[in-house]
Amino acid sequence: MPREFALLDALVPTLFLAFLVSIVFHTLLDRIMGRCGVYRHVWHPPLFRLSIFACIFGTCGLLILR
């Protein structure tokens, strides 16, 4: 995959696409986990949400490098 792609005549890094996919996937996962009551068992929910997002984004980034 190229390092950057053209979006409206501007070169955008490929990780931006991974970031957008991560946001969508994290939002869906966050809603599912909220409805299931997972956050009641977590010590610090905002920190847990951030760490889940970091794991999703890191995985997407590694999959792009393949």
PDB file of N, CA and C in Angstrom:
ATOM      1  N   MET A   1       0.848  -1.168   0.000  1.00  0.00           N
ATOM      2  CA  MET A   1       0.000   0.000   0.000  1.00  0.00           C
ATOM      3  C   MET A   1       0.899   1.239   0.000  1.00  0.00           C
ATOM      4  N   PRO A   2       0.519   2.265  -0.751  1.00  0.00           N
ATOM      5  CA  PRO A   2       1.362   3.466  -0.806  1.00  0.00           C
ATOM      6  C   PRO A   2       1.389   4.197   0.535  1.00  0.00           C
ATOM      7  N   ARG A   3       2.433   4.986   0.724  1.00  0.00           N
ATOM      8  CA  ARG A   3       2.573   5.718   1.976  1.00  0.00           C
ATOM      9  C   ARG A   3       1.559   6.843   2.098  1.00  0.00           C
ATOM     10  N   GLU A   4       1.165   7.426   0.980  1.00  0.00           N
ATOM     11  CA  GLU A   4       0.115   8.419   1.027  1.00  0.00           C
ATOM     12  C   GLU A   4      -0.778   8.299  -0.192  1.00  0.00           C
ATOM     13  N   PHE A   5      -1.970   8.851  -0.086  1.00  0.00           N
ATOM     14  CA  PHE A   5      -2.902   8.812  -1.208  1.00  0.00           C
ATOM     15  C   PHE A   5      -3.492  10.214  -1.387  1.00  0.00           C
ATOM     16  N   ALA A   6      -3.984  10.469  -2.589  1.00  0.00           N
ATOM     17  CA  ALA A   6      -4.529  11.785  -2.913  1.00  0.00           C
ATOM     18  C   ALA A   6      -5.995  11.855  -2.505  1.00  0.00           C
ATOM     19  N   LEU A   7      -6.332  12.845  -1.713  1.00  0.00           N
ATOM     20  CA  LEU A   7      -7.702  13.088  -1.285  1.00  0.00           C
ATOM     21  C   LEU A   7      -8.012  14.549  -1.553  1.00  0.00           C
ATOM     22  N   LEU A   8      -8.792  14.801  -2.589  1.00  0.00           N
ATOM     23  CA  LEU A   8      -9.125  16.171  -3.004  1.00  0.00           C
ATOM     24  C   LEU A   8      -7.860  16.985  -3.270  1.00  0.00           C
ATOM     25  N   ASP A   9      -6.954  16.407  -4.026  1.00  0.00           N
ATOM     26  CA  ASP A   9      -5.677  17.033  -4.420  1.00  0.00           C
ATOM     27  C   ASP A   9      -4.750  17.326  -3.248  1.00  0.00           C
ATOM     28  N   ALA A  10      -4.915  16.639  -2.154  1.00  0.00           N
ATOM     29  CA  ALA A  10      -4.009  16.764  -1.022  1.00  0.00           C
ATOM     30  C   ALA A  10      -3.488  15.375  -0.682  1.00  0.00           C
ATOM     31  N   LEU A  11      -2.201  15.267  -0.434  1.00  0.00           N
ATOM     32  CA  LEU A  11      -1.630  13.979  -0.066  1.00  0.00           C
ATOM     33  C   LEU A  11      -1.887  13.714   1.411  1.00  0.00           C
ATOM     34  N   VAL A  12      -2.534  12.594   1.679  1.00  0.00           N
ATOM     35  CA  VAL A  12      -2.919  12.221   3.039  1.00  0.00           C
ATOM     36  C   VAL A  12      -2.201  10.920   3.391  1.00  0.00           C
ATOM     37  N   PRO A  13      -1.612  10.838   4.593  1.00  0.00           N
ATOM     38  CA  PRO A  13      -0.953   9.597   4.988  1.00  0.00           C
ATOM     39  C   PRO A  13      -1.935   8.425   5.044  1.00  0.00           C
ATOM     40  N   THR A  14      -1.436   7.239   4.769  1.00  0.00           N
ATOM     41  CA  THR A  14      -2.270   6.049   4.779  1.00  0.00           C
ATOM     42  C   THR A  14      -2.788   5.754   6.183  1.00  0.00           C
ATOM     43  N   LEU A  15      -2.032   6.134   7.207  1.00  0.00           N
ATOM     44  CA  LEU A  15      -2.489   5.896   8.574  1.00  0.00           C
ATOM     45  C   LEU A  15      -3.730   6.711   8.916  1.00  0.00           C
ATOM     46  N   PHE A  16      -4.006   7.770   8.165  1.00  0.00           N
ATOM     47  CA  PHE A  16      -5.236   8.523   8.382  1.00  0.00           C
ATOM     48  C   PHE A  16      -6.452   7.656   8.084  1.00  0.00           C
ATOM     49  N   LEU A  17      -6.357   6.863   7.038  1.00  0.00           N
ATOM     50  CA  LEU A  17      -7.436   5.927   6.715  1.00  0.00           C
ATOM     51  C   LEU A  17      -7.596   4.893   7.832  1.00  0.00           C
ATOM     52  N   ALA A  18      -6.483   4.407   8.357  1.00  0.00           N
ATOM     53  CA  ALA A  18      -6.539   3.463   9.479  1.00  0.00           C
ATOM     54  C   ALA A  18      -7.140   4.127  10.716  1.00  0.00           C
ATOM     55  N   PHE A  19      -6.848   5.412  10.910  1.00  0.00           N
ATOM     56  CA  PHE A  19      -7.401   6.155  12.041  1.00  0.00           C
ATOM     57  C   PHE A  19      -8.919   6.264  11.924  1.00  0.00           C
ATOM     58  N   LEU A  20      -9.418   6.560  10.731  1.00  0.00           N
ATOM     59  CA  LEU A  20     -10.859   6.671  10.533  1.00  0.00           C
ATOM     60  C   LEU A  20     -11.561   5.325  10.733  1.00  0.00           C
ATOM     61  N   VAL A  21     -10.957   4.261  10.233  1.00  0.00           N
ATOM     62  CA  VAL A  21     -11.526   2.922  10.422  1.00  0.00           C
ATOM     63  C   VAL A  21     -11.521   2.559  11.907  1.00  0.00           C
ATOM     64  N   SER A  22     -10.458   2.943  12.608  1.00  0.00           N
ATOM     65  CA  SER A  22     -10.369   2.656  14.037  1.00  0.00           C
ATOM     66  C   SER A  22     -11.432   3.402  14.829  1.00  0.00           C
ATOM     67  N   ILE A  23     -11.711   4.638  14.445  1.00  0.00           N
ATOM     68  CA  ILE A  23     -12.740   5.410  15.135  1.00  0.00           C
ATOM     69  C   ILE A  23     -14.106   4.751  14.964  1.00  0.00           C
ATOM     70  N   VAL A  24     -14.410   4.328  13.750  1.00  0.00           N
ATOM     71  CA  VAL A  24     -15.707   3.686  13.497  1.00  0.00           C
ATOM     72  C   VAL A  24     -15.822   2.378  14.275  1.00  0.00           C
ATOM     73  N   PHE A  25     -14.775   1.557  14.211  1.00  0.00           N
ATOM     74  CA  PHE A  25     -14.811   0.278  14.908  1.00  0.00           C
ATOM     75  C   PHE A  25     -14.866   0.480  16.422  1.00  0.00           C
ATOM     76  N   HIS A  26     -14.131   1.465  16.934  1.00  0.00           N
ATOM     77  CA  HIS A  26     -14.135   1.738  18.370  1.00  0.00           C
ATOM     78  C   HIS A  26     -15.494   2.237  18.833  1.00  0.00           C
ATOM     79  N   THR A  27     -16.154   3.054  18.036  1.00  0.00           N
ATOM     80  CA  THR A  27     -17.479   3.541  18.395  1.00  0.00           C
ATOM     81  C   THR A  27     -18.482   2.395  18.499  1.00  0.00           C
ATOM     82  N   LEU A  28     -18.435   1.495  17.528  1.00  0.00           N
ATOM     83  CA  LEU A  28     -19.336   0.344  17.570  1.00  0.00           C
ATOM     84  C   LEU A  28     -19.041  -0.548  18.773  1.00  0.00           C
ATOM     85  N   LEU A  29     -17.773  -0.823  19.013  1.00  0.00           N
ATOM     86  CA  LEU A  29     -17.382  -1.666  20.135  1.00  0.00           C
ATOM     87  C   LEU A  29     -17.726  -1.000  21.467  1.00  0.00           C
ATOM     88  N   ASP A  30     -17.565   0.323  21.538  1.00  0.00           N
ATOM     89  CA  ASP A  30     -17.864   1.059  22.763  1.00  0.00           C
ATOM     90  C   ASP A  30     -19.353   0.983  23.097  1.00  0.00           C
ATOM     91  N   ARG A  31     -20.190   1.102  22.095  1.00  0.00           N
ATOM     92  CA  ARG A  31     -21.632   1.008  22.336  1.00  0.00           C
ATOM     93  C   ARG A  31     -22.041  -0.387  22.773  1.00  0.00           C
ATOM     94  N   ILE A  32     -21.449  -1.393  22.163  1.00  0.00           N
ATOM     95  CA  ILE A  32     -21.769  -2.772  22.550  1.00  0.00           C
ATOM     96  C   ILE A  32     -21.321  -3.038  23.983  1.00  0.00           C
ATOM     97  N   MET A  33     -20.108  -2.598  24.319  1.00  0.00           N
ATOM     98  CA  MET A  33     -19.599  -2.830  25.672  1.00  0.00           C
ATOM     99  C   MET A  33     -20.376  -2.022  26.706  1.00  0.00           C
ATOM    100  N   GLY A  34     -20.851  -0.834  26.324  1.00  0.00           N
ATOM    101  CA  GLY A  34     -21.663  -0.030  27.237  1.00  0.00           C
ATOM    102  C   GLY A  34     -23.001  -0.671  27.526  1.00  0.00           C
ATOM    103  N   ARG A  35     -23.615  -1.238  26.508  1.00  0.00           N
ATOM    104  CA  ARG A  35     -24.915  -1.896  26.711  1.00  0.00           C
ATOM    105  C   ARG A  35     -24.788  -3.198  27.488  1.00  0.00           C
ATOM    106  N   CYS A  36     -23.651  -3.851  27.356  1.00  0.00           N
ATOM    107  CA  CYS A  36     -23.445  -5.112  28.089  1.00  0.00           C
ATOM    108  C   CYS A  36     -23.014  -4.878  29.534  1.00  0.00           C
ATOM    109  N   GLY A  37     -22.657  -3.653  29.882  1.00  0.00           N
ATOM    110  CA  GLY A  37     -22.281  -3.342  31.255  1.00  0.00           C
ATOM    111  C   GLY A  37     -20.835  -3.644  31.593  1.00  0.00           C
ATOM    112  N   VAL A  38     -19.977  -3.642  30.609  1.00  0.00           N
ATOM    113  CA  VAL A  38     -18.561  -3.931  30.853  1.00  0.00           C
ATOM    114  C   VAL A  38     -17.910  -2.826  31.680  1.00  0.00           C
ATOM    115  N   TYR A  39     -18.316  -1.588  31.469  1.00  0.00           N
ATOM    116  CA  TYR A  39     -17.669  -0.455  32.132  1.00  0.00           C
ATOM    117  C   TYR A  39     -17.950  -0.390  33.624  1.00  0.00           C
ATOM    118  N   ARG A  40     -18.927  -1.138  34.104  1.00  0.00           N
ATOM    119  CA  ARG A  40     -19.163  -1.197  35.549  1.00  0.00           C
ATOM    120  C   ARG A  40     -18.062  -1.978  36.262  1.00  0.00           C
ATOM    121  N   HIS A  41     -17.360  -2.837  35.529  1.00  0.00           N
ATOM    122  CA  HIS A  41     -16.326  -3.683  36.124  1.00  0.00           C
ATOM    123  C   HIS A  41     -14.919  -3.159  35.866  1.00  0.00           C
ATOM    124  N   VAL A  42     -14.805  -1.985  35.273  1.00  0.00           N
ATOM    125  CA  VAL A  42     -13.502  -1.410  34.928  1.00  0.00           C
ATOM    126  C   VAL A  42     -13.196  -0.297  35.918  1.00  0.00           C
ATOM    127  N   TRP A  43     -11.929  -0.217  36.341  1.00  0.00           N
ATOM    128  CA  TRP A  43     -11.533   0.762  37.340  1.00  0.00           C
ATOM    129  C   TRP A  43     -11.674   2.195  36.823  1.00  0.00           C
ATOM    130  N   HIS A  44     -11.184   2.473  35.607  1.00  0.00           N
ATOM    131  CA  HIS A  44     -11.177   3.830  35.053  1.00  0.00           C
ATOM    132  C   HIS A  44     -11.675   3.757  33.605  1.00  0.00           C
ATOM    133  N   PRO A  45     -12.968   3.907  33.374  1.00  0.00           N
ATOM    134  CA  PRO A  45     -13.531   3.725  32.029  1.00  0.00           C
ATOM    135  C   PRO A  45     -12.904   4.590  30.928  1.00  0.00           C
ATOM    136  N   PRO A  46     -12.625   5.898  31.152  1.00  0.00           N
ATOM    137  CA  PRO A  46     -12.002   6.663  30.052  1.00  0.00           C
ATOM    138  C   PRO A  46     -10.617   6.142  29.664  1.00  0.00           C
ATOM    139  N   LEU A  47      -9.845   5.709  30.657  1.00  0.00           N
ATOM    140  CA  LEU A  47      -8.528   5.152  30.370  1.00  0.00           C
ATOM    141  C   LEU A  47      -8.652   3.816  29.637  1.00  0.00           C
ATOM    142  N   PHE A  48      -9.645   3.035  30.009  1.00  0.00           N
ATOM    143  CA  PHE A  48      -9.897   1.764  29.338  1.00  0.00           C
ATOM    144  C   PHE A  48     -10.312   1.993  27.886  1.00  0.00           C
ATOM    145  N   ARG A  49     -11.166   3.002  27.661  1.00  0.00           N
ATOM    146  CA  ARG A  49     -11.574   3.336  26.289  1.00  0.00           C
ATOM    147  C   ARG A  49     -10.389   3.768  25.446  1.00  0.00           C
ATOM    148  N   LEU A  50      -9.514   4.584  26.017  1.00  0.00           N
ATOM    149  CA  LEU A  50      -8.329   5.035  25.291  1.00  0.00           C
ATOM    150  C   LEU A  50      -7.410   3.864  24.961  1.00  0.00           C
ATOM    151  N   SER A  51      -7.228   2.956  25.896  1.00  0.00           N
ATOM    152  CA  SER A  51      -6.355   1.819  25.637  1.00  0.00           C
ATOM    153  C   SER A  51      -6.942   0.878  24.583  1.00  0.00           C
ATOM    154  N   ILE A  52      -8.251   0.706  24.592  1.00  0.00           N
ATOM    155  CA  ILE A  52      -8.898  -0.112  23.555  1.00  0.00           C
ATOM    156  C   ILE A  52      -8.699   0.538  22.188  1.00  0.00           C
ATOM    157  N   PHE A  53      -8.871   1.876  22.122  1.00  0.00           N
ATOM    158  CA  PHE A  53      -8.664   2.571  20.851  1.00  0.00           C
ATOM    159  C   PHE A  53      -7.214   2.435  20.385  1.00  0.00           C
ATOM    160  N   ALA A  54      -6.263   2.546  21.308  1.00  0.00           N
ATOM    161  CA  ALA A  54      -4.852   2.408  20.933  1.00  0.00           C
ATOM    162  C   ALA A  54      -4.558   1.011  20.388  1.00  0.00           C
ATOM    163  N   CYS A  55      -5.171   0.000  20.976  1.00  0.00           N
ATOM    164  CA  CYS A  55      -4.979  -1.368  20.480  1.00  0.00           C
ATOM    165  C   CYS A  55      -5.587  -1.548  19.094  1.00  0.00           C
ATOM    166  N   ILE A  56      -6.775  -0.989  18.881  1.00  0.00           N
ATOM    167  CA  ILE A  56      -7.426  -1.105  17.568  1.00  0.00           C
ATOM    168  C   ILE A  56      -6.619  -0.369  16.512  1.00  0.00           C
ATOM    169  N   PHE A  57      -6.174   0.855  16.823  1.00  0.00           N
ATOM    170  CA  PHE A  57      -5.414   1.649  15.869  1.00  0.00           C
ATOM    171  C   PHE A  57      -4.066   1.000  15.561  1.00  0.00           C
ATOM    172  N   GLY A  58      -3.420   0.464  16.571  1.00  0.00           N
ATOM    173  CA  GLY A  58      -2.145  -0.226  16.355  1.00  0.00           C
ATOM    174  C   GLY A  58      -2.300  -1.454  15.478  1.00  0.00           C
ATOM    175  N   THR A  59      -3.372  -2.190  15.686  1.00  0.00           N
ATOM    176  CA  THR A  59      -3.634  -3.367  14.860  1.00  0.00           C
ATOM    177  C   THR A  59      -3.904  -2.975  13.415  1.00  0.00           C
ATOM    178  N   CYS A  60      -4.701  -1.931  13.219  1.00  0.00           N
ATOM    179  CA  CYS A  60      -4.969  -1.454  11.853  1.00  0.00           C
ATOM    180  C   CYS A  60      -3.685  -0.984  11.171  1.00  0.00           C
ATOM    181  N   GLY A  61      -2.857  -0.279  11.922  1.00  0.00           N
ATOM    182  CA  GLY A  61      -1.584   0.196  11.373  1.00  0.00           C
ATOM    183  C   GLY A  61      -0.669  -0.947  10.980  1.00  0.00           C
ATOM    184  N   LEU A  62      -0.623  -1.975  11.794  1.00  0.00           N
ATOM    185  CA  LEU A  62       0.213  -3.125  11.470  1.00  0.00           C
ATOM    186  C   LEU A  62      -0.335  -3.899  10.288  1.00  0.00           C
ATOM    187  N   LEU A  63      -1.662  -3.950  10.146  1.00  0.00           N
ATOM    188  CA  LEU A  63      -2.239  -4.656   9.011  1.00  0.00           C
ATOM    189  C   LEU A  63      -1.981  -3.903   7.705  1.00  0.00           C
ATOM    190  N   ILE A  64      -1.870  -2.585   7.760  1.00  0.00           N
ATOM    191  CA  ILE A  64      -1.584  -1.810   6.559  1.00  0.00           C
ATOM    192  C   ILE A  64      -0.156  -2.045   6.098  1.00  0.00           C
ATOM    193  N   LEU A  65       0.765  -2.238   7.035  1.00  0.00           N
ATOM    194  CA  LEU A  65       2.175  -2.412   6.683  1.00  0.00           C
ATOM    195  C   LEU A  65       2.445  -3.744   6.000  1.00  0.00           C
ATOM    196  N   ARG A  66       1.544  -4.696   6.112  1.00  0.00           N
ATOM    197  CA  ARG A  66       1.752  -6.000   5.496  1.00  0.00           C
ATOM    198  C   ARG A  66       1.723  -5.940   4.022  1.00  0.00           C
TER     199      ARG A  66
END
